[in-house]
PDB file of N, CA and C in Angstrom:
ATOM      1  N   MET A   1    -164.563-140.178 195.083  1.00  0.00           N
ATOM      2  CA  MET A   1    -165.810-140.945 195.041  1.00  0.00           C
ATOM      3  C   MET A   1    -166.642-140.458 193.870  1.00  0.00           C
ATOM      4  N   GLU A   2    -167.508-141.280 193.425  1.00  0.00           N
ATOM      5  CA  GLU A   2    -168.390-141.004 192.289  1.00  0.00           C
ATOM      6  C   GLU A   2    -169.280-139.793 192.569  1.00  0.00           C
ATOM      7  N   ALA A   3    -169.359-138.879 191.603  1.00  0.00           N
ATOM      8  CA  ALA A   3    -170.141-137.656 191.785  1.00  0.00           C
ATOM      9  C   ALA A   3    -171.606-137.833 191.404  1.00  0.00           C
ATOM     10  N   ARG A   4    -171.904-138.937 190.750  1.00  0.00           N
ATOM     11  CA  ARG A   4    -173.274-139.158 190.284  1.00  0.00           C
ATOM     12  C   ARG A   4    -173.829-140.429 190.896  1.00  0.00           C
ATOM     13  N   GLY A   5    -175.114-140.610 190.744  1.00  0.00           N
ATOM     14  CA  GLY A   5    -175.738-141.866 191.127  1.00  0.00           C
ATOM     15  C   GLY A   5    -175.550-142.852 189.988  1.00  0.00           C
ATOM     16  N   LEU A   6    -176.500-143.697 189.780  1.00  0.00           N
ATOM     17  CA  LEU A   6    -176.420-144.702 188.729  1.00  0.00           C
ATOM     18  C   LEU A   6    -176.532-144.071 187.343  1.00  0.00           C
ATOM     19  N   GLY A   7    -177.334-143.037 187.213  1.00  0.00           N
ATOM     20  CA  GLY A   7    -177.588-142.471 185.888  1.00  0.00           C
ATOM     21  C   GLY A   7    -177.746-140.979 185.908  1.00  0.00           C
ATOM     22  N   GLU A   8    -178.980-140.508 185.985  1.00  0.00           N
ATOM     23  CA  GLU A   8    -179.291-139.093 185.816  1.00  0.00           C
ATOM     24  C   GLU A   8    -179.276-138.272 187.100  1.00  0.00           C
ATOM     25  N   ILE A   9    -179.503-138.893 188.220  1.00  0.00           N
ATOM     26  CA  ILE A   9    -179.633-138.144 189.473  1.00  0.00           C
ATOM     27  C   ILE A   9    -178.273-138.013 190.156  1.00  0.00           C
ATOM     28  N   THR A  10    -177.854-136.768 190.400  1.00  0.00           N
ATOM     29  CA  THR A  10    -176.589-136.543 191.089  1.00  0.00           C
ATOM     30  C   THR A  10    -176.785-136.711 192.595  1.00  0.00           C
ATOM     31  N   ILE A  11    -175.680-136.914 193.315  1.00  0.00           N
ATOM     32  CA  ILE A  11    -175.816-137.206 194.745  1.00  0.00           C
ATOM     33  C   ILE A  11    -176.086-135.971 195.597  1.00  0.00           C
ATOM     34  N   ASN A  12    -175.740-134.784 195.126  1.00  0.00           N
ATOM     35  CA  ASN A  12    -175.973-133.593 195.950  1.00  0.00           C
ATOM     36  C   ASN A  12    -177.454-133.354 196.261  1.00  0.00           C
ATOM     37  N   PRO A  13    -178.353-133.443 195.278  1.00  0.00           N
ATOM     38  CA  PRO A  13    -179.775-133.303 195.633  1.00  0.00           C
ATOM     39  C   PRO A  13    -180.249-134.415 196.572  1.00  0.00           C
ATOM     40  N   VAL A  14    -179.678-135.600 196.434  1.00  0.00           N
ATOM     41  CA  VAL A  14    -180.034-136.710 197.317  1.00  0.00           C
ATOM     42  C   VAL A  14    -179.559-136.408 198.737  1.00  0.00           C
ATOM     43  N   ARG A  15    -178.367-135.861 198.862  1.00  0.00           N
ATOM     44  CA  ARG A  15    -177.864-135.443 200.185  1.00  0.00           C
ATOM     45  C   ARG A  15    -178.825-134.436 200.828  1.00  0.00           C
ATOM     46  N   LYS A  16    -179.326-133.496 200.027  1.00  0.00           N
ATOM     47  CA  LYS A  16    -180.268-132.501 200.545  1.00  0.00           C
ATOM     48  C   LYS A  16    -181.550-133.171 201.044  1.00  0.00           C
ATOM     49  N   LEU A  17    -182.003-134.210 200.329  1.00  0.00           N
ATOM     50  CA  LEU A  17    -183.174-134.956 200.796  1.00  0.00           C
ATOM     51  C   LEU A  17    -182.914-135.584 202.164  1.00  0.00           C
ATOM     52  N   PHE A  18    -181.740-136.160 202.326  1.00  0.00           N
ATOM     53  CA  PHE A  18    -181.367-136.733 203.627  1.00  0.00           C
ATOM     54  C   PHE A  18    -181.383-135.659 204.711  1.00  0.00           C
ATOM     55  N   MET A  19    -180.826-134.503 204.401  1.00  0.00           N
ATOM     56  CA  MET A  19    -180.741-133.417 205.378  1.00  0.00           C
ATOM     57  C   MET A  19    -182.145-132.929 205.783  1.00  0.00           C
ATOM     58  N   THR A  20    -183.047-132.833 204.816  1.00  0.00           N
ATOM     59  CA  THR A  20    -184.406-132.414 205.167  1.00  0.00           C
ATOM     60  C   THR A  20    -185.116-133.486 205.993  1.00  0.00           C
ATOM     61  N   ALA A  21    -184.623-134.719 205.896  1.00  0.00           N
ATOM     62  CA  ALA A  21    -185.177-135.811 206.703  1.00  0.00           C
ATOM     63  C   ALA A  21    -184.532-135.866 208.089  1.00  0.00           C
ATOM     64  N   GLY A  22    -183.536-134.990 208.334  1.00  0.00           N
ATOM     65  CA  GLY A  22    -182.934-134.899 209.653  1.00  0.00           C
ATOM     66  C   GLY A  22    -181.538-135.467 209.791  1.00  0.00           C
ATOM     67  N   ALA A  23    -180.967-135.993 208.722  1.00  0.00           N
ATOM     68  CA  ALA A  23    -179.613-136.547 208.795  1.00  0.00           C
ATOM     69  C   ALA A  23    -178.596-135.426 208.983  1.00  0.00           C
ATOM     70  N   LYS A  24    -177.613-135.676 209.826  1.00  0.00           N
ATOM     71  CA  LYS A  24    -176.538-134.698 210.041  1.00  0.00           C
ATOM     72  C   LYS A  24    -175.425-134.886 209.016  1.00  0.00           C
ATOM     73  N   ARG A  25    -175.124-136.139 208.710  1.00  0.00           N
ATOM     74  CA  ARG A  25    -174.093-136.458 207.721  1.00  0.00           C
ATOM     75  C   ARG A  25    -174.577-137.636 206.888  1.00  0.00           C
ATOM     76  N   VAL A  26    -174.125-137.669 205.623  1.00  0.00           N
ATOM     77  CA  VAL A  26    -174.522-138.742 204.713  1.00  0.00           C
ATOM     78  C   VAL A  26    -173.298-139.190 203.923  1.00  0.00           C
ATOM     79  N   SER A  27    -173.038-140.484 203.922  1.00  0.00           N
ATOM     80  CA  SER A  27    -171.896-140.990 203.158  1.00  0.00           C
ATOM     81  C   SER A  27    -172.202-140.946 201.663  1.00  0.00           C
ATOM     82  N   ASP A  28    -171.147-140.907 200.868  1.00  0.00           N
ATOM     83  CA  ASP A  28    -171.317-140.946 199.415  1.00  0.00           C
ATOM     84  C   ASP A  28    -172.046-142.219 199.000  1.00  0.00           C
ATOM     85  N   LYS A  29    -171.666-143.347 199.616  1.00  0.00           N
ATOM     86  CA  LYS A  29    -172.286-144.624 199.252  1.00  0.00           C
ATOM     87  C   LYS A  29    -173.783-144.626 199.552  1.00  0.00           C
ATOM     88  N   ALA A  30    -174.187-144.012 200.665  1.00  0.00           N
ATOM     89  CA  ALA A  30    -175.616-143.942 201.000  1.00  0.00           C
ATOM     90  C   ALA A  30    -176.359-143.074 199.992  1.00  0.00           C
ATOM     91  N   ALA A  31    -175.781-141.936 199.624  1.00  0.00           N
ATOM     92  CA  ALA A  31    -176.422-141.040 198.657  1.00  0.00           C
ATOM     93  C   ALA A  31    -176.520-141.703 197.291  1.00  0.00           C
ATOM     94  N   ILE A  32    -175.481-142.417 196.893  1.00  0.00           N
ATOM     95  CA  ILE A  32    -175.487-143.109 195.605  1.00  0.00           C
ATOM     96  C   ILE A  32    -176.543-144.210 195.599  1.00  0.00           C
ATOM     97  N   GLU A  33    -176.638-144.953 196.691  1.00  0.00           N
ATOM     98  CA  GLU A  33    -177.627-146.033 196.758  1.00  0.00           C
ATOM     99  C   GLU A  33    -179.052-145.487 196.697  1.00  0.00           C
ATOM    100  N   LEU A  34    -179.325-144.393 197.426  1.00  0.00           N
ATOM    101  CA  LEU A  34    -180.657-143.808 197.361  1.00  0.00           C
ATOM    102  C   LEU A  34    -180.940-143.261 195.957  1.00  0.00           C
ATOM    103  N   ALA A  35    -179.941-142.673 195.307  1.00  0.00           N
ATOM    104  CA  ALA A  35    -180.110-142.189 193.931  1.00  0.00           C
ATOM    105  C   ALA A  35    -180.487-143.341 193.012  1.00  0.00           C
ATOM    106  N   ARG A  36    -179.850-144.503 193.187  1.00  0.00           N
ATOM    107  CA  ARG A  36    -180.180-145.677 192.368  1.00  0.00           C
ATOM    108  C   ARG A  36    -181.622-146.114 192.594  1.00  0.00           C
ATOM    109  N   ILE A  37    -182.042-146.131 193.850  1.00  0.00           N
ATOM    110  CA  ILE A  37    -183.415-146.532 194.173  1.00  0.00           C
ATOM    111  C   ILE A  37    -184.418-145.556 193.563  1.00  0.00           C
ATOM    112  N   ILE A  38    -184.141-144.262 193.701  1.00  0.00           N
ATOM    113  CA  ILE A  38    -185.027-143.238 193.137  1.00  0.00           C
ATOM    114  C   ILE A  38    -185.131-143.409 191.619  1.00  0.00           C
ATOM    115  N   GLU A  39    -183.999-143.623 190.966  1.00  0.00           N
ATOM    116  CA  GLU A  39    -184.000-143.787 189.513  1.00  0.00           C
ATOM    117  C   GLU A  39    -184.769-145.036 189.093  1.00  0.00           C
ATOM    118  N   ASP A  40    -184.572-146.131 189.803  1.00  0.00           N
ATOM    119  CA  ASP A  40    -185.277-147.375 189.457  1.00  0.00           C
ATOM    120  C   ASP A  40    -186.781-147.196 189.575  1.00  0.00           C
ATOM    121  N   LYS A  41    -187.227-146.622 190.688  1.00  0.00           N
ATOM    122  CA  LYS A  41    -188.657-146.433 190.901  1.00  0.00           C
ATOM    123  C   LYS A  41    -189.231-145.422 189.909  1.00  0.00           C
ATOM    124  N   THR A  42    -188.477-144.368 189.631  1.00  0.00           N
ATOM    125  CA  THR A  42    -188.915-143.356 188.676  1.00  0.00           C
ATOM    126  C   THR A  42    -189.050-143.956 187.282  1.00  0.00           C
ATOM    127  N   ARG A  43    -188.102-144.792 186.912  1.00  0.00           N
ATOM    128  CA  ARG A  43    -188.145-145.443 185.597  1.00  0.00           C
ATOM    129  C   ARG A  43    -189.395-146.313 185.471  1.00  0.00           C
ATOM    130  N   LEU A  44    -189.735-147.052 186.521  1.00  0.00           N
ATOM    131  CA  LEU A  44    -190.931-147.894 186.498  1.00  0.00           C
ATOM    132  C   LEU A  44    -192.200-147.057 186.310  1.00  0.00           C
ATOM    133  N   VAL A  45    -192.281-145.945 187.022  1.00  0.00           N
ATOM    134  CA  VAL A  45    -193.442-145.057 186.885  1.00  0.00           C
ATOM    135  C   VAL A  45    -193.489-144.470 185.475  1.00  0.00           C
ATOM    136  N   ALA A  46    -192.347-144.057 184.956  1.00  0.00           N
ATOM    137  CA  ALA A  46    -192.304-143.462 183.621  1.00  0.00           C
ATOM    138  C   ALA A  46    -192.751-144.453 182.549  1.00  0.00           C
ATOM    139  N   VAL A  47    -192.299-145.692 182.657  1.00  0.00           N
ATOM    140  CA  VAL A  47    -192.686-146.708 181.679  1.00  0.00           C
ATOM    141  C   VAL A  47    -194.191-146.962 181.742  1.00  0.00           C
ATOM    142  N   GLU A  48    -194.716-147.104 182.942  1.00  0.00           N
ATOM    143  CA  GLU A  48    -196.151-147.340 183.103  1.00  0.00           C
ATOM    144  C   GLU A  48    -196.963-146.146 182.601  1.00  0.00           C
ATOM    145  N   ALA A  49    -196.514-144.931 182.901  1.00  0.00           N
ATOM    146  CA  ALA A  49    -197.210-143.722 182.458  1.00  0.00           C
ATOM    147  C   ALA A  49    -197.221-143.625 180.934  1.00  0.00           C
ATOM    148  N   GLU A  50    -196.127-144.011 180.320  1.00  0.00           N
ATOM    149  CA  GLU A  50    -196.072-143.982 178.852  1.00  0.00           C
ATOM    150  C   GLU A  50    -197.072-144.976 178.269  1.00  0.00           C
ATOM    151  N   LYS A  51    -197.181-146.141 178.874  1.00  0.00           N
ATOM    152  CA  LYS A  51    -198.159-147.144 178.419  1.00  0.00           C
ATOM    153  C   LYS A  51    -199.577-146.586 178.532  1.00  0.00           C
ATOM    154  N   LEU A  52    -199.857-145.900 179.633  1.00  0.00           N
ATOM    155  CA  LEU A  52    -201.185-145.332 179.839  1.00  0.00           C
ATOM    156  C   LEU A  52    -201.503-144.255 178.800  1.00  0.00           C
ATOM    157  N   SER A  53    -200.532-143.402 178.514  1.00  0.00           N
ATOM    158  CA  SER A  53    -200.776-142.349 177.522  1.00  0.00           C
ATOM    159  C   SER A  53    -200.980-142.957 176.131  1.00  0.00           C
ATOM    160  N   ALA A  54    -200.221-143.987 175.814  1.00  0.00           N
ATOM    161  CA  ALA A  54    -200.384-144.659 174.515  1.00  0.00           C
ATOM    162  C   ALA A  54    -201.753-145.332 174.436  1.00  0.00           C
ATOM    163  N   HIS A  55    -202.170-145.946 175.519  1.00  0.00           N
ATOM    164  CA  HIS A  55    -203.488-146.594 175.559  1.00  0.00           C
ATOM    165  C   HIS A  55    -204.614-145.579 175.344  1.00  0.00           C
ATOM    166  N   ALA A  56    -204.385-144.364 175.854  1.00  0.00           N
ATOM    167  CA  ALA A  56    -205.383-143.301 175.690  1.00  0.00           C
ATOM    168  C   ALA A  56    -205.277-142.638 174.318  1.00  0.00           C
ATOM    169  N   GLY A  57    -204.345-143.102 173.480  1.00  0.00           N
ATOM    170  CA  GLY A  57    -204.199-142.545 172.138  1.00  0.00           C
ATOM    171  C   GLY A  57    -203.417-141.244 172.101  1.00  0.00           C
ATOM    172  N   ARG A  58    -202.643-140.993 173.146  1.00  0.00           N
ATOM    173  CA  ARG A  58    -201.855-139.753 173.197  1.00  0.00           C
ATOM    174  C   ARG A  58    -200.373-140.067 173.086  1.00  0.00           C
ATOM    175  N   LYS A  59    -199.627-139.121 172.527  1.00  0.00           N
ATOM    176  CA  LYS A  59    -198.172-139.219 172.486  1.00  0.00           C
ATOM    177  C   LYS A  59    -197.551-138.511 173.686  1.00  0.00           C
ATOM    178  N   THR A  60    -198.323-137.639 174.306  1.00  0.00           N
ATOM    179  CA  THR A  60    -197.836-136.841 175.434  1.00  0.00           C
ATOM    180  C   THR A  60    -198.225-137.492 176.755  1.00  0.00           C
ATOM    181  N   VAL A  61    -197.248-137.697 177.620  1.00  0.00           N
ATOM    182  CA  VAL A  61    -197.519-138.200 178.965  1.00  0.00           C
ATOM    183  C   VAL A  61    -198.002-137.024 179.807  1.00  0.00           C
ATOM    184  N   MET A  62    -199.133-137.217 180.457  1.00  0.00           N
ATOM    185  CA  MET A  62    -199.744-136.156 181.252  1.00  0.00           C
ATOM    186  C   MET A  62    -199.568-136.448 182.749  1.00  0.00           C
ATOM    187  N   LYS A  63    -199.811-135.416 183.541  1.00  0.00           N
ATOM    188  CA  LYS A  63    -199.744-135.548 184.995  1.00  0.00           C
ATOM    189  C   LYS A  63    -200.639-136.682 185.477  1.00  0.00           C
ATOM    190  N   ARG A  64    -201.822-136.783 184.900  1.00  0.00           N
ATOM    191  CA  ARG A  64    -202.760-137.829 185.309  1.00  0.00           C
ATOM    192  C   ARG A  64    -202.209-139.228 185.016  1.00  0.00           C
ATOM    193  N   ASP A  65    -201.387-139.368 183.970  1.00  0.00           N
ATOM    194  CA  ASP A  65    -200.757-140.661 183.671  1.00  0.00           C
ATOM    195  C   ASP A  65    -199.764-141.040 184.767  1.00  0.00           C
ATOM    196  N   ILE A  66    -199.020-140.057 185.234  1.00  0.00           N
ATOM    197  CA  ILE A  66    -198.051-140.297 186.306  1.00  0.00           C
ATOM    198  C   ILE A  66    -198.771-140.729 187.573  1.00  0.00           C
ATOM    199  N   ARG A  67    -199.815-140.011 187.913  1.00  0.00           N
ATOM    200  CA  ARG A  67    -200.563-140.340 189.139  1.00  0.00           C
ATOM    201  C   ARG A  67    -201.193-141.729 189.061  1.00  0.00           C
ATOM    202  N   LEU A  68    -201.780-142.052 187.929  1.00  0.00           N
ATOM    203  CA  LEU A  68    -202.397-143.370 187.766  1.00  0.00           C
ATOM    204  C   LEU A  68    -201.334-144.470 187.749  1.00  0.00           C
ATOM    205  N   ALA A  69    -200.213-144.214 187.096  1.00  0.00           N
ATOM    206  CA  ALA A  69    -199.109-145.192 187.076  1.00  0.00           C
ATOM    207  C   ALA A  69    -198.627-145.475 188.495  1.00  0.00           C
ATOM    208  N   LYS A  70    -198.509-144.445 189.299  1.00  0.00           N
ATOM    209  CA  LYS A  70    -198.082-144.604 190.693  1.00  0.00           C
ATOM    210  C   LYS A  70    -199.074-145.484 191.454  1.00  0.00           C
ATOM    211  N   LYS A  71    -200.361-145.216 191.270  1.00  0.00           N
ATOM    212  CA  LYS A  71    -201.392-146.023 191.924  1.00  0.00           C
ATOM    213  C   LYS A  71    -201.332-147.478 191.478  1.00  0.00           C
ATOM    214  N   ILE A  72    -201.165-147.688 190.197  1.00  0.00           N
ATOM    215  CA  ILE A  72    -201.096-149.051 189.663  1.00  0.00           C
ATOM    216  C   ILE A  72    -199.900-149.792 190.255  1.00  0.00           C
ATOM    217  N   LEU A  73    -198.766-149.144 190.297  1.00  0.00           N
ATOM    218  CA  LEU A  73    -197.541-149.786 190.788  1.00  0.00           C
ATOM    219  C   LEU A  73    -197.565-150.014 192.296  1.00  0.00           C
ATOM    220  N   GLU A  74    -198.313-149.201 193.014  1.00  0.00           N
ATOM    221  CA  GLU A  74    -198.408-149.390 194.461  1.00  0.00           C
ATOM    222  C   GLU A  74    -199.319-150.564 194.798  1.00  0.00           C
ATOM    223  N   GLY A  75    -200.093-150.998 193.828  1.00  0.00           N
ATOM    224  CA  GLY A  75    -200.929-152.171 193.999  1.00  0.00           C
ATOM    225  C   GLY A  75    -202.244-151.869 194.531  1.00  0.00           C
TER     226      GLY A  75
END
């Protein structure tokens, strides 16, 4: 089975997230799917945060950009 998710996130850390949530066992397909979801949502936040930092005239994305991007995307 595939050792990675869709891109950057490997399935082992995702499995650990499931375990901390109380899961006893996690299929590879479930871990891969959650990795894809995490990556998609993370990418959206990163893109929005970059827009915010550029709007503020900065090249560096700051913690506050991430937090504001999250708020904006949550609606």
